[in-house]
Structure formats: structure tokens, C-alpha cells
Protein backbone atom coordinates (compact mmCIF):
# COMPACT_ATOMS: atom_id res chain seq x y z
CA UNK A 1 -0.12 0.15 0.18
CA UNK A 2 1.07 3.34 -0.59
CA UNK A 3 0.81 5.82 2.79
CA UNK A 4 0.91 9.47 1.69
CA UNK A 5 2.90 11.40 4.57
CA UNK A 6 3.57 15.33 4.60
CA UNK A 7 7.02 15.28 2.68
CA UNK A 8 6.79 11.93 1.02
CA UNK A 9 4.28 9.00 0.02
CA UNK A 10 6.04 5.77 1.40
CA UNK A 11 5.64 1.90 0.19
CA UNK A 12 4.61 -0.23 3.11
CA UNK A 13 2.75 -3.26 3.81
CA UNK A 14 0.67 -3.77 7.05
CA UNK A 15 -0.32 -7.31 8.00
CA UNK A 16 -1.79 -8.87 10.99
CA UNK A 17 -3.70 -8.01 13.80
CA UNK A 18 -2.59 -7.26 17.74
CA UNK A 19 0.22 -5.33 19.10
CA UNK A 20 2.39 -3.27 16.62
CA UNK A 21 5.66 -4.41 15.34
CA UNK A 22 7.69 -1.98 13.00
CA UNK A 23 10.41 -3.56 10.88
CA UNK A 24 12.90 -1.16 9.38
CA UNK A 25 15.41 -2.13 6.74
CA UNK A 26 18.76 -0.49 6.01
CA UNK A 27 20.71 0.15 2.60
CA UNK A 28 19.98 -0.72 0.06
CA UNK A 29 16.97 -2.85 0.94
CA UNK A 30 13.31 -2.37 1.29
CA UNK A 31 10.67 -3.68 3.22
CA UNK A 32 10.83 -7.05 0.91
CA UNK A 33 13.83 -7.88 3.19
CA UNK A 34 11.68 -9.02 6.25
CA UNK A 35 9.81 -11.36 4.12
CA UNK A 36 10.46 -14.45 6.65
CA UNK A 37 9.63 -12.08 9.43
CA UNK A 38 6.47 -11.15 8.69
CA UNK A 39 4.53 -14.36 8.22
CA UNK A 40 5.84 -15.66 11.64
CA UNK A 41 4.95 -12.44 13.60
CA UNK A 42 1.90 -12.56 11.83
CA UNK A 43 1.25 -16.31 13.15
CA UNK A 44 2.44 -15.10 16.69
CA UNK A 45 -0.22 -12.54 16.98
CA UNK A 46 1.27 -9.39 15.72
CA UNK A 47 0.11 -6.85 13.73
CA UNK A 48 3.51 -6.12 11.24
CA UNK A 49 4.44 -2.83 9.76
CA UNK A 50 7.11 -2.59 6.97
CA UNK A 51 7.89 0.68 5.42
CA UNK A 52 10.22 1.00 2.82
CA UNK A 53 11.98 4.02 3.81
CA UNK A 54 12.56 7.41 1.71
CA UNK A 55 15.02 7.02 -1.21
CA UNK A 56 14.49 3.37 -1.51
CA UNK A 57 12.64 0.71 -3.37
CA UNK A 58 9.13 1.85 -4.46
CA UNK A 59 8.95 5.08 -2.16
CA UNK A 60 9.59 8.57 -2.49
CA UNK A 61 12.74 9.89 -3.82
CA UNK A 62 12.91 13.77 -2.68
CA UNK A 63 14.92 16.33 -4.27
CA UNK A 64 17.07 18.70 -2.06
CA UNK A 65 20.09 16.91 -1.82
CA UNK A 66 21.67 14.65 1.30
CA UNK A 67 19.77 16.66 4.14
CA UNK A 68 16.37 15.46 2.97
CA UNK A 69 17.53 11.87 3.91
CA UNK A 70 19.00 13.24 7.04
CA UNK A 71 18.37 9.68 9.86
CA UNK A 72 16.01 12.59 11.44
CA UNK A 73 13.88 12.74 8.28
CA UNK A 74 13.60 9.19 8.72
CA UNK A 75 12.50 9.19 12.28
CA UNK A 76 9.89 11.61 11.19
CA UNK A 77 8.75 9.81 8.52
CA UNK A 78 7.81 6.43 10.97
CA UNK A 79 6.65 8.30 13.75
CA UNK A 80 4.21 10.27 10.99
CA UNK A 81 3.46 7.18 9.60
CA UNK A 82 2.45 5.46 13.22
CA UNK A 83 0.18 8.24 13.48
CA UNK A 84 -1.54 7.55 10.23
CA UNK A 85 -1.74 3.92 11.32
CA UNK A 86 -2.98 5.01 14.62
CA UNK A 87 -0.52 3.08 16.56
CA UNK A 88 0.13 4.64 20.14
CA UNK A 89 3.20 2.08 20.44
CA UNK A 90 5.42 -0.32 18.81
CA UNK A 91 7.91 -3.18 19.24
CA UNK A 92 10.63 -1.53 16.82
CA UNK A 93 12.91 -3.68 14.95
CA UNK A 94 15.98 -1.90 12.57
CA UNK A 95 18.51 -3.72 10.41
CA UNK A 96 21.96 -2.11 9.16
CA UNK A 97 20.96 1.76 8.74
CA UNK A 98 17.51 0.92 9.87
CA UNK A 99 19.28 0.24 13.15
CA UNK A 100 20.41 3.85 13.68
CA UNK A 101 16.85 5.23 12.35
CA UNK A 102 14.98 3.39 15.11
CA UNK A 103 17.53 4.10 17.93
CA UNK A 104 17.07 7.45 16.50
CA UNK A 105 13.10 7.08 16.91
CA UNK A 106 14.03 5.49 20.67
CA UNK A 107 15.71 8.42 21.93
CA UNK A 108 13.19 11.06 20.66
CA UNK A 109 9.77 9.12 21.28
CA UNK A 110 10.87 6.73 23.96
CA UNK A 111 7.13 6.53 25.26
CA UNK A 112 6.40 5.24 21.71
CA UNK A 113 8.53 2.07 21.78
CA UNK A 114 7.43 -0.78 23.74
CA UNK A 115 10.98 -2.74 23.02
CA UNK A 116 13.53 -1.95 20.76
CA UNK A 117 15.86 -4.62 18.43
CA UNK A 118 18.91 -3.78 16.80
CA UNK A 119 20.34 -5.75 14.05
CA UNK A 120 24.25 -5.67 12.87
CA UNK A 121 24.50 -2.00 13.66
CA UNK A 122 25.00 -1.16 17.11
CA UNK A 123 25.08 2.24 19.21
CA UNK A 124 27.19 4.76 16.76
CA UNK A 125 29.52 5.59 20.00
CA UNK A 126 30.30 1.90 20.35
CA UNK A 127 30.96 1.32 16.46
CA UNK A 128 32.96 4.43 16.88
CA UNK A 129 34.82 3.00 19.63
CA UNK A 130 35.74 -0.19 18.34
CA UNK A 131 39.01 0.06 17.38
CA UNK A 132 40.91 -0.34 14.16
CA UNK A 133 39.58 -2.99 12.92
CA UNK A 134 36.01 -1.59 12.93
CA UNK A 135 37.51 1.62 11.17
CA UNK A 136 38.80 -0.71 8.27
CA UNK A 137 35.61 -2.35 7.95
CA UNK A 138 34.09 0.84 7.67
CA UNK A 139 36.08 2.13 4.84
CA UNK A 140 33.10 2.34 2.67
CA UNK A 141 31.90 4.93 4.69
CA UNK A 142 34.23 7.51 3.91
CA UNK A 143 33.77 6.47 0.06
CA UNK A 144 30.19 7.07 -0.09
CA UNK A 145 30.64 10.41 1.20
CA UNK A 146 32.04 11.88 -2.62
CA UNK A 147 29.18 12.40 -4.95
CA UNK A 148 29.76 11.08 -8.14
CA UNK A 149 32.98 9.64 -7.39
CA UNK A 150 31.23 6.81 -5.37
CA UNK A 151 28.51 6.36 -7.71
CA UNK A 152 30.84 6.07 -10.55
CA UNK A 153 32.88 3.63 -8.41
CA UNK A 154 29.75 1.58 -7.49
CA UNK A 155 28.63 1.08 -11.06
CA UNK A 156 31.13 0.60 -13.11
CA UNK A 157 31.26 -2.25 -15.47
CA UNK A 158 27.54 -2.79 -14.83
CA UNK A 159 28.12 -2.44 -10.99
CA UNK A 160 30.71 -4.57 -10.64
CA UNK A 161 32.33 -2.80 -7.15
CA UNK A 162 28.71 -2.47 -5.98
CA UNK A 163 28.22 -6.38 -6.91
CA UNK A 164 31.30 -6.91 -4.84
CA UNK A 165 29.90 -5.31 -1.68
CA UNK A 166 26.47 -7.23 -2.26
CA UNK A 167 28.42 -10.58 -2.15
CA UNK A 168 26.91 -12.27 0.73
CA UNK A 169 23.50 -10.76 0.30
CA UNK A 170 21.09 -13.09 -0.68
CA UNK A 171 19.23 -11.39 -2.94
CA UNK A 172 21.57 -9.14 -4.68
CA UNK A 173 20.35 -9.35 -7.87
CA UNK A 174 16.87 -8.08 -6.79
CA UNK A 175 18.59 -4.88 -4.60
CA UNK A 176 20.51 -4.10 -7.35
CA UNK A 177 17.75 -3.38 -9.78
CA UNK A 178 15.58 -0.59 -8.68
CA UNK A 179 19.12 1.05 -8.09
CA UNK A 180 19.69 1.48 -11.86
CA UNK A 181 16.91 3.88 -12.06
CA UNK A 182 17.96 7.57 -12.53
CA UNK A 183 18.86 8.97 -9.40
CA UNK A 184 18.38 6.13 -7.04
CA UNK A 185 21.99 5.08 -6.18
CA UNK A 186 22.28 9.12 -4.94
CA UNK A 187 19.19 8.88 -3.39
CA UNK A 188 20.12 5.75 -1.33
CA UNK A 189 23.70 6.65 -0.69
CA UNK A 190 22.40 10.09 0.47
CA UNK A 191 21.68 8.67 4.03
CA UNK A 192 25.39 8.25 4.74
CA UNK A 193 26.03 11.51 3.22
CA UNK A 194 23.95 13.46 5.75
CA UNK A 195 24.12 10.78 8.71
CA UNK A 196 27.83 9.93 9.05
CA UNK A 197 29.74 13.05 7.18
CA UNK A 198 33.68 11.94 7.19
CA UNK A 199 34.32 15.12 9.89
CA UNK A 200 32.28 12.76 12.87
CA UNK A 201 33.02 9.36 11.22
CA UNK A 202 36.41 8.93 13.05
CA UNK A 203 36.33 12.07 15.70
CA UNK A 204 37.04 11.76 19.41
CA UNK A 205 34.36 10.56 22.19
CA UNK A 206 31.99 13.00 21.16
CA UNK A 207 28.92 13.12 24.14
CA UNK A 208 26.39 10.87 22.17
CA UNK A 209 22.45 10.03 24.24
CA UNK A 210 22.12 6.63 25.26
CA UNK A 211 19.25 4.53 24.22
CA UNK A 212 16.85 5.30 26.59
CA UNK A 213 15.04 3.62 30.00
CA UNK A 214 13.39 2.17 30.38
CA UNK A 215 13.09 0.91 26.60
CA UNK A 216 14.51 -2.93 26.70
CA UNK A 217 17.09 -3.53 23.93
CA UNK A 218 18.06 -6.63 22.08
CA UNK A 219 21.20 -6.52 20.24
CA UNK A 220 21.68 -9.00 17.62
CA UNK A 221 25.05 -9.79 16.01
CA UNK A 222 26.01 -12.29 13.11
CA UNK A 223 29.81 -13.92 13.09
CA UNK A 224 29.95 -13.48 8.96
CA UNK A 225 29.29 -10.09 8.95
CA UNK A 226 32.36 -8.27 7.21
CA UNK A 227 31.07 -4.87 7.78
CA UNK A 228 30.66 -4.92 11.52
CA UNK A 229 32.56 -6.42 14.44
CA UNK A 230 31.06 -8.17 17.46
CA UNK A 231 32.69 -5.34 19.95
CA UNK A 232 30.50 -2.93 17.84
CA UNK A 233 27.64 -4.41 19.07
CA UNK A 234 28.60 -6.14 21.97
CA UNK A 235 29.44 -2.94 23.61
CA UNK A 236 26.48 -1.20 22.83
CA UNK A 237 25.78 -2.27 26.50
CA UNK A 238 27.76 0.93 27.53
CA UNK A 239 25.30 3.05 25.92
CA UNK A 240 21.75 1.49 27.06
CA UNK A 241 19.91 2.62 30.55
CA UNK A 242 17.58 0.18 30.43
CA UNK A 243 17.25 -3.78 29.90
CA UNK A 244 19.80 -4.73 27.81
CA UNK A 245 20.50 -8.04 25.63
CA UNK A 246 23.12 -9.60 23.64
CA UNK A 247 23.06 -12.60 20.89
CA UNK A 248 25.11 -13.84 18.48
CA UNK A 249 23.79 -15.53 15.17
CA UNK A 250 26.31 -18.09 13.87
CA UNK A 251 26.51 -19.17 10.62
CA UNK A 252 25.00 -15.75 9.00
CA UNK A 253 26.29 -12.70 6.99
CA UNK A 254 25.21 -9.16 7.34
CA UNK A 255 21.83 -9.88 6.03
CA UNK A 256 20.77 -12.43 8.74
CA UNK A 257 17.36 -12.30 8.71
CA UNK A 258 17.48 -13.91 5.17
CA UNK A 259 20.26 -16.39 6.07
CA UNK A 260 19.17 -17.43 9.55
CA UNK A 261 15.56 -16.63 9.71
CA UNK A 262 14.32 -19.20 11.92
CA UNK A 263 17.00 -18.30 14.30
CA UNK A 264 16.58 -14.69 14.34
CA UNK A 265 12.35 -15.31 14.36
CA UNK A 266 12.76 -17.36 17.59
CA UNK A 267 14.99 -14.30 19.24
CA UNK A 268 12.72 -11.99 18.28
CA UNK A 269 9.51 -13.68 19.30
CA UNK A 270 10.92 -14.26 22.64
CA UNK A 271 11.81 -10.73 22.73
CA UNK A 272 8.66 -9.41 22.16
CA UNK A 273 6.76 -11.89 24.62
CA UNK A 274 9.06 -11.03 27.07
CA UNK A 275 7.86 -7.38 26.78
CA UNK A 276 4.10 -7.58 25.45
CA UNK A 277 1.87 -6.58 28.43
């Protein structure tokens, strides 16, 4: 379904009845990323809301440069979406950039978040402080800052370098296809350009707000993730004011919800059940 918000129209899937669960994808995905989680959550008695973020998939790509894709804009879209669907409170789950966005949602309106699950990407301070190995794994974030250069490098030779970055993605070809549309790749990259500008990526310890109490947080990292270290997720514990739980998933890459759907579904259902009144 198409949901018209004040600034953009989003492609959104809404299924099931019961307590709401909001699933938020990251780069360079769409709501189809969650196709193995939606049926399991619906069967367990939840209403499942899976939006495609602005700039991705079939959702709008607004003009205005990187500032139109700031994580704060995404937080605003999600909050407005919950309002349009008359959802007062939701369990919120995010992967990759979606993790960063739902953390921002929890920090902005903690009373609207029943529980928080962050996949692959931990608290930004934990990623920043995770040491040299994490900085090496994050090399592409610096590349992505350079408009034009990044697009040229990623699309060269029929997107060979982007294919390389997506080598472990089970849906690599399906994800790549919509990025061929004019302006689509730039729109997707703009979240990096607005959310983690070069001057702050490797900055000294700037104060960053913790994930607020009383929101309970589940952090999940997969052993085959070549973009994030385990430390960057496990040390998120230092930046959580409420209850914290950490789980690792074996034999899965960065897109763990596709590689190990049954394992992730079990973790999600257990976490949600503990925090559903």
C-alpha cells in the first residue's frame, strides 16, 4: 500500500492484528528484506508494519540533496506513519541503517517504543570506539561521502563493485535492479552523506545520547558480518540505560534475517513476548 505523509509517500506493507511491530530496513534494501519475519510475527498475533524508507525501492525520492535524507527525516517519517496507522506504541526492529534510525526513534519518543531490537549495527558510539578493525571495515563510509565518485565507482562495469559489496546478500540482483533507475543510487547513498559525514566518523569521543530507559533493547550480531565487528554491537551495552540483551547468530552474514530466518525469528518472538503486556 502507498501511505502519503507530509513530505513523502512511502511503500508500506501492513499485515496482521495485535500489538504492533515496526520493521525497518537499511542500505540498500526495501521492506522485502523482512519477508521471512512477517509471516512468523503475524502468526504469533502481531500487527506487522514494514515500510520502505524514503529514497529506497518504490518509496519517494525527494529532491533537496543529502539533507532530505538525514536520519532525522526518516525518524519523522516513521513517527508520522505510526500516527497515520493510529499506532500509539510499537515494538521496533531495525537492521543496518534501519538500526540507527530506530535508535533515533527510541531516543526521540521513548514512550512510543515498547521494545527495541537492533540488528548488525549497534550504538554509534560503540561502533566509533570499536578500534582499528572496525575502522578498516567501515572504509566504504568515507568513499560514500564523495558524490559522483562513489556512484561512478559502484556502477563501473555493470555495478561490479556494488555487486562485490553485496556478494553475501541472498537478494543481491533483486536489490541492485531498482538502483539502476536515474537518481536511485544517489538517493540511497545520501543517508550516509547526511548521517555520518566524514568529519565525525573517526572523531574523538563526542557525547552521544544513550538508548533511553525504560526501553528494553535486544542487540543481535552475526558471525559472518564483514562490515561490523562483534565489539561494535556487544559494547552497545555501555550505551543503554534500560534492560539490555545481546545475542550472536552463527553461520550468517550481514543480512542475517535472510541467512538464518528461523533463528532470528525465535529471538524476536522471545524478546517481544517478554515485553508485551
